[in-house]
N, C-alpha and C. Protein backbone atom coordinates (compact mmCIF):
# COMPACT_ATOMS: atom_id res chain seq x y z
N UNK A 1 4.89 27.92 -6.75
CA UNK A 1 3.45 27.64 -6.64
C UNK A 1 2.84 28.46 -5.53
N UNK A 2 1.64 29.02 -5.77
CA UNK A 2 0.93 29.78 -4.75
C UNK A 2 0.47 28.86 -3.63
N UNK A 3 0.10 29.49 -2.51
CA UNK A 3 -0.46 28.71 -1.41
C UNK A 3 -1.69 27.97 -1.91
N UNK A 4 -1.80 26.68 -1.65
CA UNK A 4 -2.92 25.89 -2.19
C UNK A 4 -4.25 26.25 -1.54
N UNK A 5 -5.31 25.93 -2.26
CA UNK A 5 -6.66 26.08 -1.74
C UNK A 5 -7.16 24.71 -1.35
N UNK A 6 -7.74 24.60 -0.16
CA UNK A 6 -8.24 23.33 0.37
C UNK A 6 -9.77 23.36 0.39
N UNK A 7 -10.38 22.38 -0.27
CA UNK A 7 -11.83 22.26 -0.31
C UNK A 7 -12.24 21.00 0.44
N UNK A 8 -13.09 21.15 1.45
CA UNK A 8 -13.61 20.00 2.18
C UNK A 8 -14.94 19.57 1.60
N UNK A 9 -15.06 18.29 1.26
CA UNK A 9 -16.29 17.76 0.66
C UNK A 9 -16.83 16.67 1.57
N UNK A 10 -17.89 16.98 2.30
CA UNK A 10 -18.48 16.05 3.26
C UNK A 10 -19.83 15.56 2.76
N UNK A 11 -20.39 14.59 3.48
CA UNK A 11 -21.69 14.05 3.14
C UNK A 11 -21.79 12.62 3.62
N UNK A 12 -22.98 12.08 3.56
CA UNK A 12 -23.21 10.73 4.03
C UNK A 12 -22.52 9.68 3.18
N UNK A 13 -22.54 8.45 3.66
CA UNK A 13 -21.93 7.34 2.94
C UNK A 13 -22.50 7.24 1.54
N UNK A 14 -21.62 7.09 0.55
CA UNK A 14 -22.01 6.90 -0.86
C UNK A 14 -22.91 8.02 -1.38
N UNK A 15 -22.68 9.23 -0.91
CA UNK A 15 -23.50 10.36 -1.35
C UNK A 15 -23.04 10.95 -2.67
N UNK A 16 -21.81 10.64 -3.07
CA UNK A 16 -21.26 11.18 -4.31
C UNK A 16 -20.07 12.10 -4.10
N UNK A 17 -19.45 12.04 -2.92
CA UNK A 17 -18.32 12.91 -2.61
C UNK A 17 -17.16 12.68 -3.57
N UNK A 18 -16.82 11.41 -3.79
CA UNK A 18 -15.69 11.09 -4.67
C UNK A 18 -15.97 11.52 -6.10
N UNK A 19 -17.19 11.32 -6.56
CA UNK A 19 -17.55 11.72 -7.93
C UNK A 19 -17.37 13.22 -8.12
N UNK A 20 -17.78 14.00 -7.14
CA UNK A 20 -17.63 15.45 -7.23
C UNK A 20 -16.15 15.83 -7.26
N UNK A 21 -15.36 15.22 -6.38
CA UNK A 21 -13.93 15.52 -6.34
C UNK A 21 -13.28 15.19 -7.69
N UNK A 22 -13.63 14.08 -8.27
CA UNK A 22 -13.04 13.68 -9.55
C UNK A 22 -13.46 14.60 -10.68
N UNK A 23 -14.69 15.09 -10.66
CA UNK A 23 -15.14 16.00 -11.70
C UNK A 23 -14.47 17.36 -11.57
N UNK A 24 -14.24 17.80 -10.35
CA UNK A 24 -13.51 19.06 -10.15
C UNK A 24 -12.08 18.90 -10.65
N UNK A 25 -11.45 17.78 -10.33
CA UNK A 25 -10.09 17.53 -10.80
C UNK A 25 -10.02 17.54 -12.31
N UNK A 26 -11.01 16.95 -12.95
CA UNK A 26 -11.06 16.92 -14.41
C UNK A 26 -11.15 18.33 -14.99
N UNK A 27 -11.90 19.21 -14.31
CA UNK A 27 -12.07 20.58 -14.79
C UNK A 27 -10.76 21.36 -14.80
N UNK A 28 -9.86 21.03 -13.87
CA UNK A 28 -8.62 21.80 -13.73
C UNK A 28 -7.39 21.06 -14.26
N UNK A 29 -7.59 19.95 -14.94
CA UNK A 29 -6.45 19.09 -15.30
C UNK A 29 -5.44 19.78 -16.21
N UNK A 30 -5.90 20.73 -17.02
CA UNK A 30 -4.99 21.36 -17.98
C UNK A 30 -4.36 22.65 -17.47
N UNK A 31 -4.85 23.15 -16.36
CA UNK A 31 -4.36 24.46 -15.90
C UNK A 31 -3.84 24.47 -14.47
N UNK A 32 -4.31 23.55 -13.66
CA UNK A 32 -3.90 23.56 -12.26
C UNK A 32 -3.60 22.14 -11.80
N UNK A 33 -2.68 22.02 -10.83
CA UNK A 33 -2.43 20.72 -10.21
C UNK A 33 -3.46 20.50 -9.11
N UNK A 34 -4.08 19.32 -9.13
CA UNK A 34 -5.16 19.01 -8.20
C UNK A 34 -4.87 17.69 -7.51
N UNK A 35 -5.05 17.66 -6.21
CA UNK A 35 -4.81 16.47 -5.40
C UNK A 35 -6.09 16.10 -4.66
N UNK A 36 -6.48 14.82 -4.75
CA UNK A 36 -7.63 14.32 -3.99
C UNK A 36 -7.14 13.50 -2.81
N UNK A 37 -7.61 13.83 -1.62
CA UNK A 37 -7.28 13.08 -0.42
C UNK A 37 -8.58 12.54 0.17
N UNK A 38 -8.61 11.24 0.44
CA UNK A 38 -9.81 10.60 0.99
C UNK A 38 -9.62 10.38 2.50
N UNK A 39 -10.55 10.84 3.28
CA UNK A 39 -10.48 10.61 4.72
C UNK A 39 -10.49 9.12 5.03
N UNK A 40 -11.10 8.31 4.17
CA UNK A 40 -11.15 6.86 4.38
C UNK A 40 -9.75 6.24 4.51
N UNK A 41 -8.75 6.86 3.92
CA UNK A 41 -7.39 6.32 4.02
C UNK A 41 -6.79 6.57 5.41
N UNK A 42 -7.45 7.35 6.20
CA UNK A 42 -6.91 7.73 7.51
C UNK A 42 -7.65 7.07 8.68
N UNK A 43 -8.27 5.91 8.42
CA UNK A 43 -8.76 5.12 9.54
C UNK A 43 -7.58 4.77 10.44
N UNK A 44 -7.83 4.68 11.72
CA UNK A 44 -6.75 4.39 12.67
C UNK A 44 -6.17 3.00 12.44
N UNK A 45 -4.90 2.87 12.72
CA UNK A 45 -4.24 1.56 12.67
C UNK A 45 -4.82 0.66 13.76
N UNK A 46 -5.14 -0.58 13.38
CA UNK A 46 -5.76 -1.51 14.33
C UNK A 46 -4.96 -2.80 14.47
N UNK A 47 -3.66 -2.70 14.26
CA UNK A 47 -2.81 -3.89 14.33
C UNK A 47 -2.84 -4.55 15.69
N UNK A 48 -3.16 -3.78 16.72
CA UNK A 48 -3.17 -4.31 18.09
C UNK A 48 -4.46 -5.05 18.42
N UNK A 49 -5.42 -5.03 17.48
CA UNK A 49 -6.71 -5.68 17.72
C UNK A 49 -6.81 -7.00 16.97
N UNK A 50 -7.57 -7.93 17.55
CA UNK A 50 -7.86 -9.17 16.85
C UNK A 50 -8.87 -8.88 15.73
N UNK A 51 -9.02 -9.83 14.80
CA UNK A 51 -9.98 -9.65 13.73
C UNK A 51 -11.39 -9.49 14.27
N UNK A 52 -11.70 -10.25 15.30
CA UNK A 52 -13.03 -10.15 15.91
C UNK A 52 -13.27 -8.76 16.48
N UNK A 53 -12.24 -8.19 17.11
CA UNK A 53 -12.36 -6.85 17.67
C UNK A 53 -12.50 -5.80 16.56
N UNK A 54 -11.81 -6.04 15.45
CA UNK A 54 -11.92 -5.12 14.33
C UNK A 54 -13.33 -5.13 13.75
N UNK A 55 -13.93 -6.30 13.70
CA UNK A 55 -15.30 -6.40 13.19
C UNK A 55 -16.26 -5.58 14.05
N UNK A 56 -15.96 -5.47 15.34
CA UNK A 56 -16.86 -4.76 16.25
C UNK A 56 -16.62 -3.25 16.28
N UNK A 57 -15.56 -2.79 15.62
CA UNK A 57 -15.26 -1.36 15.58
C UNK A 57 -16.36 -0.60 14.84
N UNK A 58 -16.73 0.53 15.36
CA UNK A 58 -17.71 1.39 14.69
C UNK A 58 -16.96 2.31 13.72
N UNK A 59 -16.96 1.94 12.45
CA UNK A 59 -16.21 2.68 11.44
C UNK A 59 -16.94 3.92 10.96
N UNK A 60 -18.13 4.15 11.47
CA UNK A 60 -18.91 5.32 11.07
C UNK A 60 -19.01 6.35 12.18
N UNK A 61 -18.06 6.27 13.11
CA UNK A 61 -17.96 7.25 14.20
C UNK A 61 -16.70 8.09 13.97
N UNK A 62 -16.72 9.38 14.28
CA UNK A 62 -15.53 10.21 14.08
C UNK A 62 -14.27 9.67 14.76
N UNK A 63 -14.42 8.97 15.88
CA UNK A 63 -13.26 8.46 16.60
C UNK A 63 -12.51 7.37 15.83
N UNK A 64 -13.11 6.85 14.77
CA UNK A 64 -12.46 5.78 13.99
C UNK A 64 -11.33 6.32 13.13
N UNK A 65 -11.23 7.65 12.99
CA UNK A 65 -10.28 8.25 12.08
C UNK A 65 -9.10 8.88 12.82
N UNK A 66 -7.94 8.79 12.19
CA UNK A 66 -6.72 9.39 12.73
C UNK A 66 -6.62 10.83 12.20
N UNK A 67 -7.43 11.70 12.78
CA UNK A 67 -7.45 13.08 12.31
C UNK A 67 -6.17 13.83 12.62
N UNK A 68 -5.47 13.43 13.65
CA UNK A 68 -4.20 14.09 13.97
C UNK A 68 -3.21 13.93 12.81
N UNK A 69 -3.13 12.71 12.29
CA UNK A 69 -2.23 12.46 11.15
C UNK A 69 -2.73 13.19 9.92
N UNK A 70 -4.04 13.15 9.67
CA UNK A 70 -4.59 13.83 8.51
C UNK A 70 -4.30 15.33 8.56
N UNK A 71 -4.54 15.95 9.69
CA UNK A 71 -4.31 17.39 9.82
C UNK A 71 -2.84 17.72 9.67
N UNK A 72 -1.98 16.90 10.26
CA UNK A 72 -0.53 17.12 10.14
C UNK A 72 -0.08 17.06 8.69
N UNK A 73 -0.59 16.07 7.95
CA UNK A 73 -0.17 15.93 6.55
C UNK A 73 -0.76 17.03 5.67
N UNK A 74 -1.97 17.46 5.96
CA UNK A 74 -2.55 18.57 5.21
C UNK A 74 -1.73 19.85 5.40
N UNK A 75 -1.32 20.10 6.62
CA UNK A 75 -0.53 21.30 6.89
C UNK A 75 0.81 21.25 6.15
N UNK A 76 1.42 20.07 6.09
CA UNK A 76 2.67 19.93 5.35
C UNK A 76 2.46 20.17 3.86
N UNK A 77 1.40 19.59 3.31
CA UNK A 77 1.11 19.78 1.88
C UNK A 77 0.87 21.26 1.58
N UNK A 78 0.16 21.93 2.46
CA UNK A 78 -0.14 23.34 2.23
C UNK A 78 1.07 24.24 2.45
N UNK A 79 2.11 23.67 3.06
CA UNK A 79 3.38 24.39 3.22
C UNK A 79 4.38 24.02 2.14
N UNK A 80 3.96 23.18 1.21
CA UNK A 80 4.83 22.83 0.09
C UNK A 80 5.66 21.57 0.28
N UNK A 81 5.33 20.77 1.30
CA UNK A 81 6.07 19.54 1.56
C UNK A 81 5.28 18.33 1.05
N UNK A 82 6.00 17.31 0.59
CA UNK A 82 5.36 16.05 0.22
C UNK A 82 5.13 15.22 1.48
N UNK A 83 4.20 14.27 1.42
CA UNK A 83 3.89 13.41 2.56
C UNK A 83 3.70 11.97 2.09
N UNK A 84 3.79 11.05 3.02
CA UNK A 84 3.52 9.64 2.75
C UNK A 84 2.14 9.31 3.31
N UNK A 85 1.17 9.29 2.41
CA UNK A 85 -0.21 9.05 2.84
C UNK A 85 -0.44 7.56 3.12
N UNK A 86 -1.11 7.25 4.22
CA UNK A 86 -1.42 5.84 4.51
C UNK A 86 -2.49 5.31 3.56
N UNK A 87 -2.61 4.00 3.49
CA UNK A 87 -3.72 3.36 2.76
C UNK A 87 -4.39 2.38 3.71
N UNK A 88 -5.65 2.11 3.43
CA UNK A 88 -6.42 1.24 4.33
C UNK A 88 -6.93 0.04 3.57
N UNK A 89 -6.82 -1.12 4.19
CA UNK A 89 -7.29 -2.38 3.60
C UNK A 89 -8.66 -2.70 4.22
N UNK A 90 -9.72 -2.53 3.45
CA UNK A 90 -11.07 -2.71 3.96
C UNK A 90 -11.44 -4.18 4.12
N UNK A 91 -10.64 -5.07 3.56
CA UNK A 91 -10.92 -6.49 3.70
C UNK A 91 -10.50 -6.98 5.08
N UNK A 92 -9.32 -6.53 5.54
CA UNK A 92 -8.81 -6.96 6.85
C UNK A 92 -9.07 -5.92 7.94
N UNK A 93 -9.75 -4.83 7.57
CA UNK A 93 -10.10 -3.78 8.55
C UNK A 93 -8.87 -3.24 9.26
N UNK A 94 -7.86 -2.88 8.48
CA UNK A 94 -6.65 -2.36 9.11
C UNK A 94 -5.85 -1.55 8.10
N UNK A 95 -5.04 -0.65 8.61
CA UNK A 95 -4.13 0.11 7.76
C UNK A 95 -3.10 -0.84 7.14
N UNK A 96 -2.86 -0.67 5.86
CA UNK A 96 -1.91 -1.55 5.17
C UNK A 96 -0.49 -1.04 5.34
N UNK A 97 0.48 -1.83 4.88
CA UNK A 97 1.89 -1.42 4.95
C UNK A 97 2.26 -0.49 3.81
N UNK A 98 1.37 -0.31 2.86
CA UNK A 98 1.64 0.51 1.68
C UNK A 98 1.34 1.97 1.98
N UNK A 99 2.24 2.86 1.61
CA UNK A 99 1.98 4.30 1.67
C UNK A 99 2.13 4.88 0.27
N UNK A 100 1.54 6.04 0.07
CA UNK A 100 1.55 6.68 -1.24
C UNK A 100 2.14 8.08 -1.08
N UNK A 101 3.11 8.41 -1.93
CA UNK A 101 3.71 9.74 -1.89
C UNK A 101 2.75 10.75 -2.48
N UNK A 102 2.43 11.76 -1.72
CA UNK A 102 1.54 12.83 -2.18
C UNK A 102 2.35 14.12 -2.27
N UNK A 103 2.34 14.70 -3.47
CA UNK A 103 3.06 15.95 -3.70
C UNK A 103 2.13 17.14 -3.52
N UNK A 104 2.67 18.29 -3.13
CA UNK A 104 1.83 19.49 -3.00
C UNK A 104 1.13 19.83 -4.31
N UNK A 105 -0.03 20.45 -4.21
CA UNK A 105 -0.81 20.83 -5.39
C UNK A 105 -1.49 22.17 -5.13
N UNK A 106 -1.92 22.80 -6.21
CA UNK A 106 -2.58 24.10 -6.08
C UNK A 106 -3.99 23.97 -5.51
N UNK A 107 -4.64 22.86 -5.79
CA UNK A 107 -5.98 22.60 -5.28
C UNK A 107 -5.96 21.24 -4.57
N UNK A 108 -6.35 21.22 -3.30
CA UNK A 108 -6.45 19.97 -2.54
C UNK A 108 -7.92 19.72 -2.23
N UNK A 109 -8.40 18.58 -2.66
CA UNK A 109 -9.79 18.19 -2.42
C UNK A 109 -9.82 17.12 -1.34
N UNK A 110 -10.34 17.47 -0.19
CA UNK A 110 -10.43 16.54 0.94
C UNK A 110 -11.86 16.05 1.04
N UNK A 111 -12.06 14.75 0.80
CA UNK A 111 -13.43 14.22 0.85
C UNK A 111 -13.56 13.13 1.89
N UNK A 112 -14.69 13.16 2.60
CA UNK A 112 -14.91 12.15 3.63
C UNK A 112 -16.13 12.46 4.47
N UNK A 113 -16.55 11.47 5.23
CA UNK A 113 -17.75 11.60 6.05
C UNK A 113 -17.68 12.79 7.01
N UNK A 114 -16.51 12.98 7.63
CA UNK A 114 -16.43 13.89 8.77
C UNK A 114 -15.49 15.07 8.54
N UNK A 115 -15.28 15.46 7.29
CA UNK A 115 -14.33 16.55 7.04
C UNK A 115 -14.89 17.91 7.44
N UNK A 116 -16.19 17.98 7.76
CA UNK A 116 -16.75 19.20 8.34
C UNK A 116 -17.06 19.05 9.82
N UNK A 117 -16.88 17.85 10.35
CA UNK A 117 -17.20 17.59 11.76
C UNK A 117 -16.10 18.08 12.69
N UNK A 118 -14.85 18.00 12.22
CA UNK A 118 -13.69 18.36 13.03
C UNK A 118 -13.39 19.85 12.89
N UNK A 119 -13.36 20.55 14.01
CA UNK A 119 -13.18 22.01 13.96
C UNK A 119 -11.84 22.41 13.36
N UNK A 120 -10.79 21.67 13.70
CA UNK A 120 -9.47 22.03 13.19
C UNK A 120 -9.38 21.83 11.68
N UNK A 121 -10.06 20.80 11.18
CA UNK A 121 -10.12 20.62 9.72
C UNK A 121 -10.88 21.77 9.08
N UNK A 122 -11.99 22.15 9.67
CA UNK A 122 -12.78 23.25 9.10
C UNK A 122 -11.97 24.53 9.00
N UNK A 123 -11.13 24.77 9.98
CA UNK A 123 -10.33 26.00 9.97
C UNK A 123 -9.33 26.02 8.81
N UNK A 124 -8.93 24.85 8.35
CA UNK A 124 -7.98 24.77 7.24
C UNK A 124 -8.66 24.93 5.88
N UNK A 125 -9.96 24.67 5.82
CA UNK A 125 -10.66 24.59 4.54
C UNK A 125 -11.11 25.98 4.05
N UNK A 126 -10.79 26.27 2.80
CA UNK A 126 -11.22 27.54 2.20
C UNK A 126 -12.68 27.48 1.73
N UNK A 127 -13.10 26.32 1.27
CA UNK A 127 -14.49 26.11 0.86
C UNK A 127 -14.99 24.82 1.49
N UNK A 128 -16.20 24.88 2.05
CA UNK A 128 -16.78 23.71 2.71
C UNK A 128 -18.03 23.28 1.94
N UNK A 129 -18.04 22.02 1.53
CA UNK A 129 -19.13 21.50 0.68
C UNK A 129 -19.81 20.34 1.40
N UNK A 130 -21.13 20.29 1.30
CA UNK A 130 -21.88 19.15 1.81
C UNK A 130 -22.68 18.56 0.67
N UNK A 131 -22.51 17.25 0.45
CA UNK A 131 -23.22 16.55 -0.62
C UNK A 131 -24.47 15.91 -0.01
N UNK A 132 -25.63 16.35 -0.46
CA UNK A 132 -26.89 15.97 0.16
C UNK A 132 -27.67 15.04 -0.77
N UNK A 133 -27.58 13.74 -0.52
CA UNK A 133 -28.22 12.73 -1.36
C UNK A 133 -29.19 11.91 -0.52
N UNK A 134 -30.31 11.55 -1.10
CA UNK A 134 -31.36 10.82 -0.38
C UNK A 134 -30.82 9.52 0.22
N UNK A 135 -31.33 9.16 1.40
CA UNK A 135 -30.81 8.01 2.14
C UNK A 135 -30.98 6.69 1.40
N UNK A 136 -32.08 6.53 0.66
CA UNK A 136 -32.27 5.26 -0.04
C UNK A 136 -31.26 5.10 -1.17
N UNK A 137 -30.96 6.18 -1.86
CA UNK A 137 -29.95 6.13 -2.92
C UNK A 137 -28.58 5.82 -2.33
N UNK A 138 -28.26 6.46 -1.21
CA UNK A 138 -26.96 6.22 -0.57
C UNK A 138 -26.83 4.77 -0.12
N UNK A 139 -27.91 4.21 0.44
CA UNK A 139 -27.85 2.82 0.90
C UNK A 139 -27.60 1.87 -0.27
N UNK A 140 -28.30 2.05 -1.36
CA UNK A 140 -28.11 1.18 -2.53
C UNK A 140 -26.68 1.27 -3.05
N UNK A 141 -26.17 2.49 -3.15
CA UNK A 141 -24.79 2.66 -3.63
C UNK A 141 -23.79 1.99 -2.69
N UNK A 142 -24.00 2.16 -1.38
CA UNK A 142 -23.08 1.55 -0.41
C UNK A 142 -23.14 0.04 -0.49
N UNK A 143 -24.33 -0.50 -0.60
CA UNK A 143 -24.49 -1.95 -0.70
C UNK A 143 -23.72 -2.51 -1.89
N UNK A 144 -23.90 -1.91 -3.04
CA UNK A 144 -23.21 -2.38 -4.24
C UNK A 144 -21.69 -2.23 -4.11
N UNK A 145 -21.26 -1.09 -3.57
CA UNK A 145 -19.82 -0.84 -3.42
C UNK A 145 -19.16 -1.82 -2.46
N UNK A 146 -19.75 -2.00 -1.28
CA UNK A 146 -19.12 -2.83 -0.27
C UNK A 146 -19.09 -4.30 -0.65
N UNK A 147 -20.09 -4.77 -1.37
CA UNK A 147 -20.11 -6.16 -1.81
C UNK A 147 -19.12 -6.37 -2.94
N UNK A 148 -19.10 -5.45 -3.92
CA UNK A 148 -18.26 -5.63 -5.10
C UNK A 148 -16.80 -5.28 -4.86
N UNK A 149 -16.55 -4.22 -4.08
CA UNK A 149 -15.20 -3.69 -3.96
C UNK A 149 -14.52 -3.99 -2.64
N UNK A 150 -15.28 -4.28 -1.61
CA UNK A 150 -14.67 -4.42 -0.28
C UNK A 150 -14.88 -5.80 0.33
N UNK A 151 -15.37 -6.75 -0.46
CA UNK A 151 -15.46 -8.13 -0.02
C UNK A 151 -16.45 -8.39 1.09
N UNK A 152 -17.49 -7.56 1.22
CA UNK A 152 -18.47 -7.74 2.29
C UNK A 152 -19.63 -8.61 1.81
N UNK A 153 -20.27 -9.26 2.74
CA UNK A 153 -21.49 -10.00 2.41
C UNK A 153 -22.68 -9.05 2.45
N UNK A 154 -23.74 -9.43 1.76
CA UNK A 154 -24.94 -8.59 1.75
C UNK A 154 -25.48 -8.40 3.15
N UNK A 155 -25.54 -9.49 3.94
CA UNK A 155 -26.07 -9.41 5.30
C UNK A 155 -25.25 -8.46 6.17
N UNK A 156 -23.93 -8.53 6.03
CA UNK A 156 -23.08 -7.69 6.87
C UNK A 156 -23.26 -6.21 6.55
N UNK A 157 -23.44 -5.90 5.26
CA UNK A 157 -23.65 -4.51 4.86
C UNK A 157 -24.97 -3.99 5.41
N UNK A 158 -26.02 -4.80 5.27
CA UNK A 158 -27.34 -4.39 5.76
C UNK A 158 -27.32 -4.22 7.27
N UNK A 159 -26.73 -5.17 7.98
CA UNK A 159 -26.69 -5.09 9.45
C UNK A 159 -25.91 -3.87 9.92
N UNK A 160 -24.79 -3.60 9.25
CA UNK A 160 -23.98 -2.44 9.63
C UNK A 160 -24.74 -1.14 9.38
N UNK A 161 -25.43 -1.09 8.27
CA UNK A 161 -26.18 0.13 7.94
C UNK A 161 -27.27 0.40 8.98
N UNK A 162 -28.01 -0.64 9.34
CA UNK A 162 -29.11 -0.48 10.28
C UNK A 162 -28.61 -0.17 11.69
N UNK A 163 -27.54 -0.87 12.10
CA UNK A 163 -27.08 -0.75 13.49
C UNK A 163 -26.22 0.48 13.75
N UNK A 164 -25.42 0.91 12.77
CA UNK A 164 -24.52 2.03 13.04
C UNK A 164 -24.55 3.14 12.00
N UNK A 165 -24.53 2.80 10.72
CA UNK A 165 -24.37 3.82 9.68
C UNK A 165 -25.47 4.87 9.76
N UNK A 166 -26.71 4.43 9.79
CA UNK A 166 -27.84 5.36 9.81
C UNK A 166 -27.83 6.21 11.08
N UNK A 167 -27.54 5.58 12.21
CA UNK A 167 -27.53 6.31 13.48
C UNK A 167 -26.41 7.34 13.51
N UNK A 168 -25.21 6.94 13.04
CA UNK A 168 -24.07 7.85 13.03
C UNK A 168 -24.28 9.01 12.06
N UNK A 169 -24.95 8.72 10.95
CA UNK A 169 -25.25 9.80 9.99
C UNK A 169 -26.11 10.86 10.65
N UNK A 170 -27.17 10.42 11.31
CA UNK A 170 -28.08 11.37 11.94
C UNK A 170 -27.41 12.13 13.08
N UNK A 171 -26.50 11.46 13.78
CA UNK A 171 -25.85 12.06 14.96
C UNK A 171 -24.69 12.97 14.62
N UNK A 172 -23.87 12.59 13.62
CA UNK A 172 -22.61 13.29 13.39
C UNK A 172 -22.43 13.91 12.01
N UNK A 173 -23.10 13.36 10.99
CA UNK A 173 -22.85 13.86 9.63
C UNK A 173 -23.89 14.90 9.22
N UNK A 174 -25.15 14.56 9.35
CA UNK A 174 -26.21 15.49 8.95
C UNK A 174 -26.08 16.85 9.65
N UNK A 175 -25.73 16.89 10.95
CA UNK A 175 -25.60 18.20 11.61
C UNK A 175 -24.49 19.08 11.02
N UNK A 176 -23.49 18.50 10.33
CA UNK A 176 -22.40 19.31 9.80
C UNK A 176 -22.81 20.10 8.57
N UNK A 177 -24.00 19.85 8.08
CA UNK A 177 -24.51 20.61 6.93
C UNK A 177 -24.52 22.11 7.24
N UNK A 178 -24.69 22.45 8.51
CA UNK A 178 -24.77 23.86 8.90
C UNK A 178 -23.44 24.60 8.66
N UNK A 179 -22.33 23.84 8.56
CA UNK A 179 -21.03 24.48 8.35
C UNK A 179 -20.73 24.69 6.86
N UNK A 180 -21.53 24.13 5.98
CA UNK A 180 -21.21 24.15 4.56
C UNK A 180 -21.42 25.52 3.93
N UNK A 181 -20.50 25.90 3.06
CA UNK A 181 -20.68 27.08 2.23
C UNK A 181 -21.58 26.76 1.04
N UNK A 182 -21.48 25.52 0.57
CA UNK A 182 -22.24 25.07 -0.59
C UNK A 182 -22.84 23.71 -0.27
N UNK A 183 -24.13 23.53 -0.55
CA UNK A 183 -24.80 22.23 -0.42
C UNK A 183 -25.17 21.76 -1.83
N UNK A 184 -24.70 20.56 -2.18
CA UNK A 184 -24.93 20.01 -3.51
C UNK A 184 -25.90 18.84 -3.43
N UNK A 185 -27.12 18.99 -3.89
CA UNK A 185 -28.05 17.86 -3.93
C UNK A 185 -27.65 16.86 -5.02
N UNK A 186 -27.81 15.59 -4.73
CA UNK A 186 -27.65 14.51 -5.71
C UNK A 186 -26.23 14.30 -6.23
N UNK A 187 -25.25 14.78 -5.52
CA UNK A 187 -23.87 14.43 -5.82
C UNK A 187 -23.36 14.80 -7.20
N UNK A 188 -22.59 13.87 -7.79
CA UNK A 188 -21.87 14.15 -9.02
C UNK A 188 -22.74 14.39 -10.23
N UNK A 189 -24.04 14.14 -10.15
CA UNK A 189 -24.91 14.38 -11.30
C UNK A 189 -25.38 15.83 -11.38
N UNK A 190 -25.08 16.62 -10.37
CA UNK A 190 -25.52 18.02 -10.34
C UNK A 190 -24.44 18.90 -10.97
N UNK A 191 -24.45 18.97 -12.28
CA UNK A 191 -23.40 19.70 -12.99
C UNK A 191 -23.50 21.21 -12.79
N UNK A 192 -24.70 21.73 -12.55
CA UNK A 192 -24.83 23.16 -12.31
C UNK A 192 -24.06 23.54 -11.05
N UNK A 193 -24.25 22.77 -9.98
CA UNK A 193 -23.56 23.05 -8.72
C UNK A 193 -22.05 22.88 -8.87
N UNK A 194 -21.62 21.87 -9.61
CA UNK A 194 -20.20 21.63 -9.82
C UNK A 194 -19.58 22.77 -10.62
N UNK A 195 -20.29 23.26 -11.63
CA UNK A 195 -19.79 24.41 -12.40
C UNK A 195 -19.65 25.64 -11.53
N UNK A 196 -20.64 25.88 -10.67
CA UNK A 196 -20.55 27.02 -9.76
C UNK A 196 -19.37 26.88 -8.80
N UNK A 197 -19.14 25.65 -8.34
CA UNK A 197 -18.05 25.41 -7.41
C UNK A 197 -16.70 25.62 -8.08
N UNK A 198 -16.54 25.12 -9.30
CA UNK A 198 -15.25 25.30 -10.00
C UNK A 198 -15.00 26.77 -10.32
N UNK A 199 -16.07 27.51 -10.59
CA UNK A 199 -15.91 28.95 -10.83
C UNK A 199 -15.42 29.65 -9.57
N UNK A 200 -15.99 29.26 -8.43
CA UNK A 200 -15.56 29.86 -7.16
C UNK A 200 -14.10 29.50 -6.86
N UNK A 201 -13.73 28.25 -7.11
CA UNK A 201 -12.34 27.83 -6.88
C UNK A 201 -11.40 28.66 -7.74
N UNK A 202 -11.76 28.88 -8.99
CA UNK A 202 -10.93 29.68 -9.89
C UNK A 202 -10.75 31.10 -9.38
N UNK A 203 -11.85 31.67 -8.86
CA UNK A 203 -11.77 33.05 -8.36
C UNK A 203 -10.84 33.14 -7.16
N UNK A 204 -10.87 32.13 -6.30
CA UNK A 204 -9.98 32.14 -5.12
C UNK A 204 -8.53 31.93 -5.55
N UNK A 205 -8.32 31.05 -6.50
CA UNK A 205 -6.96 30.79 -6.99
C UNK A 205 -6.31 32.04 -7.57
N UNK A 206 -7.13 32.90 -8.16
CA UNK A 206 -6.60 34.10 -8.79
C UNK A 206 -6.65 35.31 -7.86
N UNK A 207 -7.10 35.10 -6.64
CA UNK A 207 -7.16 36.20 -5.69
C UNK A 207 -5.77 36.52 -5.16
N UNK A 208 -5.38 37.78 -5.13
CA UNK A 208 -4.05 38.16 -4.61
C UNK A 208 -3.91 37.92 -3.11
N UNK A 209 -5.04 37.69 -2.41
CA UNK A 209 -4.98 37.50 -0.96
C UNK A 209 -4.65 36.10 -0.58
N UNK A 210 -4.72 35.12 -1.53
CA UNK A 210 -4.47 33.72 -1.19
C UNK A 210 -3.00 33.50 -0.91
């Protein structure tokens, strides 16, 4: 297998990062091996904290993520080694005991809030993408997701969004747009942008310099 290509897909909460990653994977399913890695799985272990302390953690700040582990595992995957990826339990606000074996792939899609914020991550990425979706759409999507999938109450989602999510987006996520090679408005519904991105990925995969 050739050296893999790593694509970083950043953007605000519920902007459509996962949808884009899944559509790219679908495009290459018959010809290339594709791996999706979510930065959300790399929240720091909080076993040493009480539940009350976990509730007070700012999960929308870059410091909430174990980027050292993420970078280490990405480097191993890009060198042809398998890794044991952590998983995160959003109900108890802590890393779970379950790990998932991730095998090397020709295309690695790294999606998450801060995958363009960290300089060392940016250096690993061959293509940098920012998903630019309107704040009201992102809030509605996050509200529905966190209530339905993560066991949150409506009040807790709203309070978190107002107190931290919006502030952290403006402070740490929106500024990373300047690092993007490609900006995709409206997330996974923008098929023109996704087609252009898959074409670029194909050209890099077939480049003798990779």
